[in-house]
Amino acid sequence: MNRAVGLDVRALRVFEAVASSGSLSSAAKLLGITQSAVSQSLSQIEEILDTQVFDRTRRPFKLTPAGIALSRRARSIVDEMDRLASGEVTADLK
């Protein structure tokens, strides 16, 4: 089984929030979750992908090359899921 199958939209949404804000605490505030939950989601992503997606030695956090690649796809996936949830996609099919 492909390890990336374990990635879910929630984890990708957390990843994107950290990528755009550059910090765990800012992402947590934006999403209305704890900093610990943000950290756990990032750890889950890195475990599934078996690579680091952020360089945590720099502030604000910077994406690693793997993080840049993930960010390109994650944003489109999250946007598409938001469209599905809002009913936009089903309206497009009619």
PDB file of N, CA and C in Angstrom:
ATOM      1  N   MET A   1       0.843  -1.192   0.000  1.00  0.00           N
ATOM      2  CA  MET A   1       0.000   0.000   0.000  1.00  0.00           C
ATOM      3  C   MET A   1       0.881   1.245   0.000  1.00  0.00           C
ATOM      4  N   ASN A   2       0.468   2.245  -0.721  1.00  0.00           N
ATOM      5  CA  ASN A   2       1.195   3.504  -0.807  1.00  0.00           C
ATOM      6  C   ASN A   2       1.091   4.247   0.525  1.00  0.00           C
ATOM      7  N   ARG A   3       2.242   4.651   1.083  1.00  0.00           N
ATOM      8  CA  ARG A   3       2.240   5.339   2.384  1.00  0.00           C
ATOM      9  C   ARG A   3       1.489   6.655   2.347  1.00  0.00           C
ATOM     10  N   ALA A   4       1.498   7.337   1.202  1.00  0.00           N
ATOM     11  CA  ALA A   4       0.844   8.645   1.104  1.00  0.00           C
ATOM     12  C   ALA A   4      -0.672   8.541   1.246  1.00  0.00           C
ATOM     13  N   VAL A   5      -1.219   7.340   1.123  1.00  0.00           N
ATOM     14  CA  VAL A   5      -2.656   7.160   1.291  1.00  0.00           C
ATOM     15  C   VAL A   5      -3.077   7.582   2.695  1.00  0.00           C
ATOM     16  N   GLY A   6      -2.176   7.488   3.667  1.00  0.00           N
ATOM     17  CA  GLY A   6      -2.489   7.869   5.040  1.00  0.00           C
ATOM     18  C   GLY A   6      -2.633   9.370   5.253  1.00  0.00           C
ATOM     19  N   LEU A   7      -2.251  10.179   4.276  1.00  0.00           N
ATOM     20  CA  LEU A   7      -2.415  11.623   4.396  1.00  0.00           C
ATOM     21  C   LEU A   7      -3.889  11.973   4.247  1.00  0.00           C
ATOM     22  N   ASP A   8      -4.381  12.824   5.119  1.00  0.00           N
ATOM     23  CA  ASP A   8      -5.770  13.260   4.993  1.00  0.00           C
ATOM     24  C   ASP A   8      -5.827  14.766   4.771  1.00  0.00           C
ATOM     25  N   VAL A   9      -6.992  15.238   4.399  1.00  0.00           N
ATOM     26  CA  VAL A   9      -7.165  16.653   4.079  1.00  0.00           C
ATOM     27  C   VAL A   9      -6.885  17.528   5.294  1.00  0.00           C
ATOM     28  N   ARG A  10      -7.261  17.061   6.471  1.00  0.00           N
ATOM     29  CA  ARG A  10      -7.007  17.834   7.688  1.00  0.00           C
ATOM     30  C   ARG A  10      -5.507  18.068   7.863  1.00  0.00           C
ATOM     31  N   ALA A  11      -4.721  17.024   7.697  1.00  0.00           N
ATOM     32  CA  ALA A  11      -3.267  17.150   7.838  1.00  0.00           C
ATOM     33  C   ALA A  11      -2.707  18.098   6.780  1.00  0.00           C
ATOM     34  N   LEU A  12      -3.214  18.003   5.561  1.00  0.00           N
ATOM     35  CA  LEU A  12      -2.758  18.907   4.501  1.00  0.00           C
ATOM     36  C   LEU A  12      -3.143  20.352   4.794  1.00  0.00           C
ATOM     37  N   ARG A  13      -4.326  20.543   5.387  1.00  0.00           N
ATOM     38  CA  ARG A  13      -4.770  21.890   5.761  1.00  0.00           C
ATOM     39  C   ARG A  13      -3.840  22.471   6.842  1.00  0.00           C
ATOM     40  N   VAL A  14      -3.459  21.647   7.804  1.00  0.00           N
ATOM     41  CA  VAL A  14      -2.528  22.073   8.855  1.00  0.00           C
ATOM     42  C   VAL A  14      -1.178  22.414   8.232  1.00  0.00           C
ATOM     43  N   PHE A  15      -0.697  21.542   7.353  1.00  0.00           N
ATOM     44  CA  PHE A  15       0.573  21.783   6.668  1.00  0.00           C
ATOM     45  C   PHE A  15       0.550  23.129   5.946  1.00  0.00           C
ATOM     46  N   GLU A  16      -0.510  23.381   5.204  1.00  0.00           N
ATOM     47  CA  GLU A  16      -0.623  24.633   4.467  1.00  0.00           C
ATOM     48  C   GLU A  16      -0.661  25.845   5.388  1.00  0.00           C
ATOM     49  N   ALA A  17      -1.316  25.712   6.534  1.00  0.00           N
ATOM     50  CA  ALA A  17      -1.377  26.827   7.496  1.00  0.00           C
ATOM     51  C   ALA A  17       0.009  27.143   8.046  1.00  0.00           C
ATOM     52  N   VAL A  18       0.787  26.107   8.336  1.00  0.00           N
ATOM     53  CA  VAL A  18       2.150  26.330   8.824  1.00  0.00           C
ATOM     54  C   VAL A  18       3.011  26.911   7.710  1.00  0.00           C
ATOM     55  N   ALA A  19       2.847  26.389   6.509  1.00  0.00           N
ATOM     56  CA  ALA A  19       3.640  26.886   5.380  1.00  0.00           C
ATOM     57  C   ALA A  19       3.369  28.369   5.122  1.00  0.00           C
ATOM     58  N   SER A  20       2.112  28.780   5.237  1.00  0.00           N
ATOM     59  CA  SER A  20       1.793  30.180   4.954  1.00  0.00           C
ATOM     60  C   SER A  20       2.140  31.111   6.110  1.00  0.00           C
ATOM     61  N   SER A  21       2.042  30.606   7.346  1.00  0.00           N
ATOM     62  CA  SER A  21       2.312  31.473   8.500  1.00  0.00           C
ATOM     63  C   SER A  21       3.755  31.388   8.980  1.00  0.00           C
ATOM     64  N   GLY A  22       4.398  30.260   8.753  1.00  0.00           N
ATOM     65  CA  GLY A  22       5.784  30.088   9.172  1.00  0.00           C
ATOM     66  C   GLY A  22       5.970  29.665  10.616  1.00  0.00           C
ATOM     67  N   SER A  23       4.849  29.426  11.335  1.00  0.00           N
ATOM     68  CA  SER A  23       4.994  28.998  12.730  1.00  0.00           C
ATOM     69  C   SER A  23       3.841  28.096  13.154  1.00  0.00           C
ATOM     70  N   LEU A  24       4.143  27.254  14.125  1.00  0.00           N
ATOM     71  CA  LEU A  24       3.131  26.348  14.660  1.00  0.00           C
ATOM     72  C   LEU A  24       2.051  27.114  15.406  1.00  0.00           C
ATOM     73  N   SER A  25       2.458  28.086  16.209  1.00  0.00           N
ATOM     74  CA  SER A  25       1.475  28.814  17.014  1.00  0.00           C
ATOM     75  C   SER A  25       0.531  29.640  16.141  1.00  0.00           C
ATOM     76  N   SER A  26       1.044  30.275  15.110  1.00  0.00           N
ATOM     77  CA  SER A  26       0.183  31.052  14.211  1.00  0.00           C
ATOM     78  C   SER A  26      -0.794  30.143  13.475  1.00  0.00           C
ATOM     79  N   ALA A  27      -0.312  28.995  13.027  1.00  0.00           N
ATOM     80  CA  ALA A  27      -1.180  28.037  12.341  1.00  0.00           C
ATOM     81  C   ALA A  27      -2.260  27.520  13.287  1.00  0.00           C
ATOM     82  N   ALA A  28      -1.884  27.254  14.531  1.00  0.00           N
ATOM     83  CA  ALA A  28      -2.850  26.756  15.516  1.00  0.00           C
ATOM     84  C   ALA A  28      -3.954  27.782  15.742  1.00  0.00           C
ATOM     85  N   LYS A  29      -3.582  29.049  15.894  1.00  0.00           N
ATOM     86  CA  LYS A  29      -4.576  30.108  16.090  1.00  0.00           C
ATOM     87  C   LYS A  29      -5.495  30.223  14.880  1.00  0.00           C
ATOM     88  N   LEU A  30      -4.905  30.189  13.698  1.00  0.00           N
ATOM     89  CA  LEU A  30      -5.671  30.297  12.464  1.00  0.00           C
ATOM     90  C   LEU A  30      -6.700  29.171  12.335  1.00  0.00           C
ATOM     91  N   LEU A  31      -6.305  27.958  12.721  1.00  0.00           N
ATOM     92  CA  LEU A  31      -7.168  26.791  12.564  1.00  0.00           C
ATOM     93  C   LEU A  31      -8.061  26.521  13.776  1.00  0.00           C
ATOM     94  N   GLY A  32      -7.783  27.201  14.883  1.00  0.00           N
ATOM     95  CA  GLY A  32      -8.564  26.986  16.097  1.00  0.00           C
ATOM     96  C   GLY A  32      -8.282  25.654  16.765  1.00  0.00           C
ATOM     97  N   ILE A  33      -7.020  25.227  16.681  1.00  0.00           N
ATOM     98  CA  ILE A  33      -6.597  23.984  17.326  1.00  0.00           C
ATOM     99  C   ILE A  33      -5.362  24.270  18.170  1.00  0.00           C
ATOM    100  N   THR A  34      -4.923  23.295  18.925  1.00  0.00           N
ATOM    101  CA  THR A  34      -3.757  23.498  19.774  1.00  0.00           C
ATOM    102  C   THR A  34      -2.462  23.404  18.965  1.00  0.00           C
ATOM    103  N   GLN A  35      -1.428  24.013  19.507  1.00  0.00           N
ATOM    104  CA  GLN A  35      -0.113  23.924  18.889  1.00  0.00           C
ATOM    105  C   GLN A  35       0.351  22.472  18.863  1.00  0.00           C
ATOM    106  N   SER A  36      -0.004  21.719  19.889  1.00  0.00           N
ATOM    107  CA  SER A  36       0.344  20.299  19.946  1.00  0.00           C
ATOM    108  C   SER A  36      -0.300  19.531  18.790  1.00  0.00           C
ATOM    109  N   ALA A  37      -1.551  19.845  18.476  1.00  0.00           N
ATOM    110  CA  ALA A  37      -2.238  19.175  17.364  1.00  0.00           C
ATOM    111  C   ALA A  37      -1.563  19.500  16.036  1.00  0.00           C
ATOM    112  N   VAL A  38      -1.111  20.732  15.886  1.00  0.00           N
ATOM    113  CA  VAL A  38      -0.389  21.130  14.681  1.00  0.00           C
ATOM    114  C   VAL A  38       0.905  20.328  14.576  1.00  0.00           C
ATOM    115  N   SER A  39       1.654  20.272  15.657  1.00  0.00           N
ATOM    116  CA  SER A  39       2.910  19.533  15.685  1.00  0.00           C
ATOM    117  C   SER A  39       2.693  18.054  15.366  1.00  0.00           C
ATOM    118  N   GLN A  40       1.637  17.468  15.931  1.00  0.00           N
ATOM    119  CA  GLN A  40       1.342  16.062  15.668  1.00  0.00           C
ATOM    120  C   GLN A  40       0.995  15.820  14.198  1.00  0.00           C
ATOM    121  N   SER A  41       0.254  16.732  13.600  1.00  0.00           N
ATOM    122  CA  SER A  41      -0.078  16.590  12.177  1.00  0.00           C
ATOM    123  C   SER A  41       1.165  16.651  11.307  1.00  0.00           C
ATOM    124  N   LEU A  42       2.060  17.574  11.628  1.00  0.00           N
ATOM    125  CA  LEU A  42       3.300  17.667  10.855  1.00  0.00           C
ATOM    126  C   LEU A  42       4.155  16.421  11.031  1.00  0.00           C
ATOM    127  N   SER A  43       4.213  15.915  12.252  1.00  0.00           N
ATOM    128  CA  SER A  43       4.974  14.684  12.499  1.00  0.00           C
ATOM    129  C   SER A  43       4.384  13.526  11.712  1.00  0.00           C
ATOM    130  N   GLN A  44       3.049  13.460  11.647  1.00  0.00           N
ATOM    131  CA  GLN A  44       2.368  12.407  10.890  1.00  0.00           C
ATOM    132  C   GLN A  44       2.745  12.494   9.411  1.00  0.00           C
ATOM    133  N   ILE A  45       2.695  13.700   8.858  1.00  0.00           N
ATOM    134  CA  ILE A  45       3.045  13.891   7.448  1.00  0.00           C
ATOM    135  C   ILE A  45       4.480  13.446   7.196  1.00  0.00           C
ATOM    136  N   GLU A  46       5.395  13.888   8.059  1.00  0.00           N
ATOM    137  CA  GLU A  46       6.806  13.558   7.864  1.00  0.00           C
ATOM    138  C   GLU A  46       7.058  12.066   8.039  1.00  0.00           C
ATOM    139  N   GLU A  47       6.317  11.435   8.920  1.00  0.00           N
ATOM    140  CA  GLU A  47       6.468   9.993   9.091  1.00  0.00           C
ATOM    141  C   GLU A  47       5.956   9.250   7.855  1.00  0.00           C
ATOM    142  N   ILE A  48       4.805   9.654   7.351  1.00  0.00           N
ATOM    143  CA  ILE A  48       4.232   9.002   6.172  1.00  0.00           C
ATOM    144  C   ILE A  48       5.138   9.183   4.956  1.00  0.00           C
ATOM    145  N   LEU A  49       5.644  10.396   4.779  1.00  0.00           N
ATOM    146  CA  LEU A  49       6.492  10.690   3.624  1.00  0.00           C
ATOM    147  C   LEU A  49       7.952  10.301   3.835  1.00  0.00           C
ATOM    148  N   ASP A  50       8.303  10.002   5.084  1.00  0.00           N
ATOM    149  CA  ASP A  50       9.667   9.622   5.453  1.00  0.00           C
ATOM    150  C   ASP A  50      10.681  10.704   5.068  1.00  0.00           C
ATOM    151  N   THR A  51      10.295  11.959   5.287  1.00  0.00           N
ATOM    152  CA  THR A  51      11.189  13.080   5.026  1.00  0.00           C
ATOM    153  C   THR A  51      10.682  14.319   5.757  1.00  0.00           C
ATOM    154  N   GLN A  52      11.566  15.266   6.009  1.00  0.00           N
ATOM    155  CA  GLN A  52      11.161  16.520   6.632  1.00  0.00           C
ATOM    156  C   GLN A  52      10.561  17.446   5.586  1.00  0.00           C
ATOM    157  N   VAL A  53       9.491  18.135   5.966  1.00  0.00           N
ATOM    158  CA  VAL A  53       8.863  19.088   5.051  1.00  0.00           C
ATOM    159  C   VAL A  53       9.146  20.534   5.443  1.00  0.00           C
ATOM    160  N   PHE A  54       9.658  20.741   6.655  1.00  0.00           N
ATOM    161  CA  PHE A  54      10.043  22.076   7.115  1.00  0.00           C
ATOM    162  C   PHE A  54      11.447  22.044   7.693  1.00  0.00           C
ATOM    163  N   ASP A  55      12.183  23.130   7.464  1.00  0.00           N
ATOM    164  CA  ASP A  55      13.453  23.350   8.141  1.00  0.00           C
ATOM    165  C   ASP A  55      13.111  24.107   9.417  1.00  0.00           C
ATOM    166  N   ARG A  56      13.144  23.398  10.532  1.00  0.00           N
ATOM    167  CA  ARG A  56      12.743  23.995  11.808  1.00  0.00           C
ATOM    168  C   ARG A  56      13.886  24.746  12.492  1.00  0.00           C
ATOM    169  N   THR A  57      15.054  24.765  11.886  1.00  0.00           N
ATOM    170  CA  THR A  57      16.173  25.496  12.478  1.00  0.00           C
ATOM    171  C   THR A  57      16.086  26.987  12.169  1.00  0.00           C
ATOM    172  N   ARG A  58      15.195  27.360  11.271  1.00  0.00           N
ATOM    173  CA  ARG A  58      15.042  28.762  10.883  1.00  0.00           C
ATOM    174  C   ARG A  58      13.689  29.270  11.324  1.00  0.00           C
ATOM    175  N   ARG A  59      13.622  30.536  11.663  1.00  0.00           N
ATOM    176  CA  ARG A  59      12.365  31.178  12.015  1.00  0.00           C
ATOM    177  C   ARG A  59      12.155  32.332  11.068  1.00  0.00           C
ATOM    178  N   PRO A  60      11.034  32.482  10.437  1.00  0.00           N
ATOM    179  CA  PRO A  60       9.956  31.506  10.413  1.00  0.00           C
ATOM    180  C   PRO A  60      10.397  30.226   9.715  1.00  0.00           C
ATOM    181  N   PHE A  61       9.633  29.140   9.972  1.00  0.00           N
ATOM    182  CA  PHE A  61       9.940  27.865   9.340  1.00  0.00           C
ATOM    183  C   PHE A  61      10.001  28.040   7.825  1.00  0.00           C
ATOM    184  N   LYS A  62      10.925  27.339   7.215  1.00  0.00           N
ATOM    185  CA  LYS A  62      11.053  27.352   5.757  1.00  0.00           C
ATOM    186  C   LYS A  62      10.773  25.951   5.237  1.00  0.00           C
ATOM    187  N   LEU A  63      10.139  25.878   4.085  1.00  0.00           N
ATOM    188  CA  LEU A  63       9.886  24.587   3.455  1.00  0.00           C
ATOM    189  C   LEU A  63      11.183  23.983   2.942  1.00  0.00           C
ATOM    190  N   THR A  64      11.312  22.684   3.117  1.00  0.00           N
ATOM    191  CA  THR A  64      12.405  21.943   2.499  1.00  0.00           C
ATOM    192  C   THR A  64      12.011  21.695   1.038  1.00  0.00           C
ATOM    193  N   PRO A  65      12.914  21.174   0.212  1.00  0.00           N
ATOM    194  CA  PRO A  65      12.508  20.837  -1.159  1.00  0.00           C
ATOM    195  C   PRO A  65      11.298  19.888  -1.192  1.00  0.00           C
ATOM    196  N   ALA A  66      11.256  18.926  -0.289  1.00  0.00           N
ATOM    197  CA  ALA A  66      10.095  18.023  -0.222  1.00  0.00           C
ATOM    198  C   ALA A  66       8.849  18.795   0.185  1.00  0.00           C
ATOM    199  N   GLY A  67       8.994  19.754   1.086  1.00  0.00           N
ATOM    200  CA  GLY A  67       7.871  20.578   1.517  1.00  0.00           C
ATOM    201  C   GLY A  67       7.348  21.452   0.391  1.00  0.00           C
ATOM    202  N   ILE A  68       8.242  21.961  -0.425  1.00  0.00           N
ATOM    203  CA  ILE A  68       7.827  22.766  -1.577  1.00  0.00           C
ATOM    204  C   ILE A  68       7.001  21.916  -2.535  1.00  0.00           C
ATOM    205  N   ALA A  69       7.469  20.703  -2.796  1.00  0.00           N
ATOM    206  CA  ALA A  69       6.736  19.800  -3.690  1.00  0.00           C
ATOM    207  C   ALA A  69       5.364  19.463  -3.106  1.00  0.00           C
ATOM    208  N   LEU A  70       5.317  19.193  -1.815  1.00  0.00           N
ATOM    209  CA  LEU A  70       4.047  18.884  -1.167  1.00  0.00           C
ATOM    210  C   LEU A  70       3.114  20.095  -1.200  1.00  0.00           C
ATOM    211  N   SER A  71       3.640  21.266  -0.961  1.00  0.00           N
ATOM    212  CA  SER A  71       2.831  22.476  -0.934  1.00  0.00           C
ATOM    213  C   SER A  71       2.144  22.715  -2.270  1.00  0.00           C
ATOM    214  N   ARG A  72       2.835  22.441  -3.359  1.00  0.00           N
ATOM    215  CA  ARG A  72       2.244  22.626  -4.692  1.00  0.00           C
ATOM    216  C   ARG A  72       0.982  21.788  -4.847  1.00  0.00           C
ATOM    217  N   ARG A  73       1.015  20.566  -4.342  1.00  0.00           N
ATOM    218  CA  ARG A  73      -0.137  19.673  -4.478  1.00  0.00           C
ATOM    219  C   ARG A  73      -1.165  19.881  -3.373  1.00  0.00           C
ATOM    220  N   ALA A  74      -0.701  20.139  -2.165  1.00  0.00           N
ATOM    221  CA  ALA A  74      -1.604  20.247  -1.018  1.00  0.00           C
ATOM    222  C   ALA A  74      -2.614  21.373  -1.205  1.00  0.00           C
ATOM    223  N   ARG A  75      -2.168  22.513  -1.675  1.00  0.00           N
ATOM    224  CA  ARG A  75      -3.072  23.650  -1.854  1.00  0.00           C
ATOM    225  C   ARG A  75      -4.198  23.285  -2.811  1.00  0.00           C
ATOM    226  N   SER A  76      -3.889  22.640  -3.923  1.00  0.00           N
ATOM    227  CA  SER A  76      -4.940  22.297  -4.880  1.00  0.00           C
ATOM    228  C   SER A  76      -5.884  21.240  -4.312  1.00  0.00           C
ATOM    229  N   ILE A  77      -5.361  20.304  -3.538  1.00  0.00           N
ATOM    230  CA  ILE A  77      -6.206  19.276  -2.917  1.00  0.00           C
ATOM    231  C   ILE A  77      -7.146  19.911  -1.896  1.00  0.00           C
ATOM    232  N   VAL A  78      -6.619  20.760  -1.038  1.00  0.00           N
ATOM    233  CA  VAL A  78      -7.438  21.422  -0.018  1.00  0.00           C
ATOM    234  C   VAL A  78      -8.504  22.297  -0.682  1.00  0.00           C
ATOM    235  N   ASP A  79      -8.121  23.045  -1.710  1.00  0.00           N
ATOM    236  CA  ASP A  79      -9.085  23.893  -2.419  1.00  0.00           C
ATOM    237  C   ASP A  79     -10.187  23.048  -3.050  1.00  0.00           C
ATOM    238  N   GLU A  80      -9.824  21.934  -3.657  1.00  0.00           N
ATOM    239  CA  GLU A  80     -10.812  21.070  -4.285  1.00  0.00           C
ATOM    240  C   GLU A  80     -11.757  20.459  -3.253  1.00  0.00           C
ATOM    241  N   MET A  81     -11.232  20.054  -2.113  1.00  0.00           N
ATOM    242  CA  MET A  81     -12.085  19.512  -1.053  1.00  0.00           C
ATOM    243  C   MET A  81     -13.036  20.581  -0.521  1.00  0.00           C
ATOM    244  N   ASP A  82     -12.570  21.814  -0.403  1.00  0.00           N
ATOM    245  CA  ASP A  82     -13.438  22.905   0.027  1.00  0.00           C
ATOM    246  C   ASP A  82     -14.563  23.124  -0.992  1.00  0.00           C
ATOM    247  N   ARG A  83     -14.231  23.035  -2.263  1.00  0.00           N
ATOM    248  CA  ARG A  83     -15.250  23.172  -3.311  1.00  0.00           C
ATOM    249  C   ARG A  83     -16.266  22.041  -3.223  1.00  0.00           C
ATOM    250  N   LEU A  84     -15.798  20.838  -2.986  1.00  0.00           N
ATOM    251  CA  LEU A  84     -16.709  19.695  -2.833  1.00  0.00           C
ATOM    252  C   LEU A  84     -17.648  19.897  -1.650  1.00  0.00           C
ATOM    253  N   ALA A  85     -17.077  20.325  -0.534  1.00  0.00           N
ATOM    254  CA  ALA A  85     -17.869  20.508   0.684  1.00  0.00           C
ATOM    255  C   ALA A  85     -18.905  21.626   0.521  1.00  0.00           C
ATOM    256  N   SER A  86     -18.578  22.622  -0.271  1.00  0.00           N
ATOM    257  CA  SER A  86     -19.512  23.742  -0.445  1.00  0.00           C
ATOM    258  C   SER A  86     -20.573  23.456  -1.502  1.00  0.00           C
ATOM    259  N   GLY A  87     -20.431  22.375  -2.223  1.00  0.00           N
ATOM    260  CA  GLY A  87     -21.397  22.034  -3.251  1.00  0.00           C
ATOM    261  C   GLY A  87     -21.084  22.612  -4.612  1.00  0.00           C
ATOM    262  N   GLU A  88     -19.999  23.353  -4.728  1.00  0.00           N
ATOM    263  CA  GLU A  88     -19.626  23.949  -6.018  1.00  0.00           C
ATOM    264  C   GLU A  88     -19.433  22.898  -7.083  1.00  0.00           C
ATOM    265  N   VAL A  89     -18.766  21.813  -6.733  1.00  0.00           N
ATOM    266  CA  VAL A  89     -18.438  20.796  -7.730  1.00  0.00           C
ATOM    267  C   VAL A  89     -19.704  20.132  -8.246  1.00  0.00           C
ATOM    268  N   THR A  90     -20.634  19.812  -7.355  1.00  0.00           N
ATOM    269  CA  THR A  90     -21.877  19.187  -7.818  1.00  0.00           C
ATOM    270  C   THR A  90     -22.670  20.146  -8.686  1.00  0.00           C
ATOM    271  N   ALA A  91     -22.614  21.425  -8.379  1.00  0.00           N
ATOM    272  CA  ALA A  91     -23.300  22.408  -9.227  1.00  0.00           C
ATOM    273  C   ALA A  91     -22.653  22.457 -10.605  1.00  0.00           C
ATOM    274  N   ASP A  92     -21.339  22.269 -10.671  1.00  0.00           N
ATOM    275  CA  ASP A  92     -20.629  22.244 -11.961  1.00  0.00           C
ATOM    276  C   ASP A  92     -21.039  21.060 -12.811  1.00  0.00           C
ATOM    277  N   LEU A  93     -21.454  19.981 -12.165  1.00  0.00           N
ATOM    278  CA  LEU A  93     -21.793  18.760 -12.899  1.00  0.00           C
ATOM    279  C   LEU A  93     -23.195  18.799 -13.488  1.00  0.00           C
ATOM    280  N   LYS A  94     -24.017  19.713 -13.029  1.00  0.00           N
ATOM    281  CA  LYS A  94     -25.407  19.778 -13.510  1.00  0.00           C
ATOM    282  C   LYS A  94     -25.512  20.460 -14.841  1.00  0.00           C
TER     283      LYS A  94
END
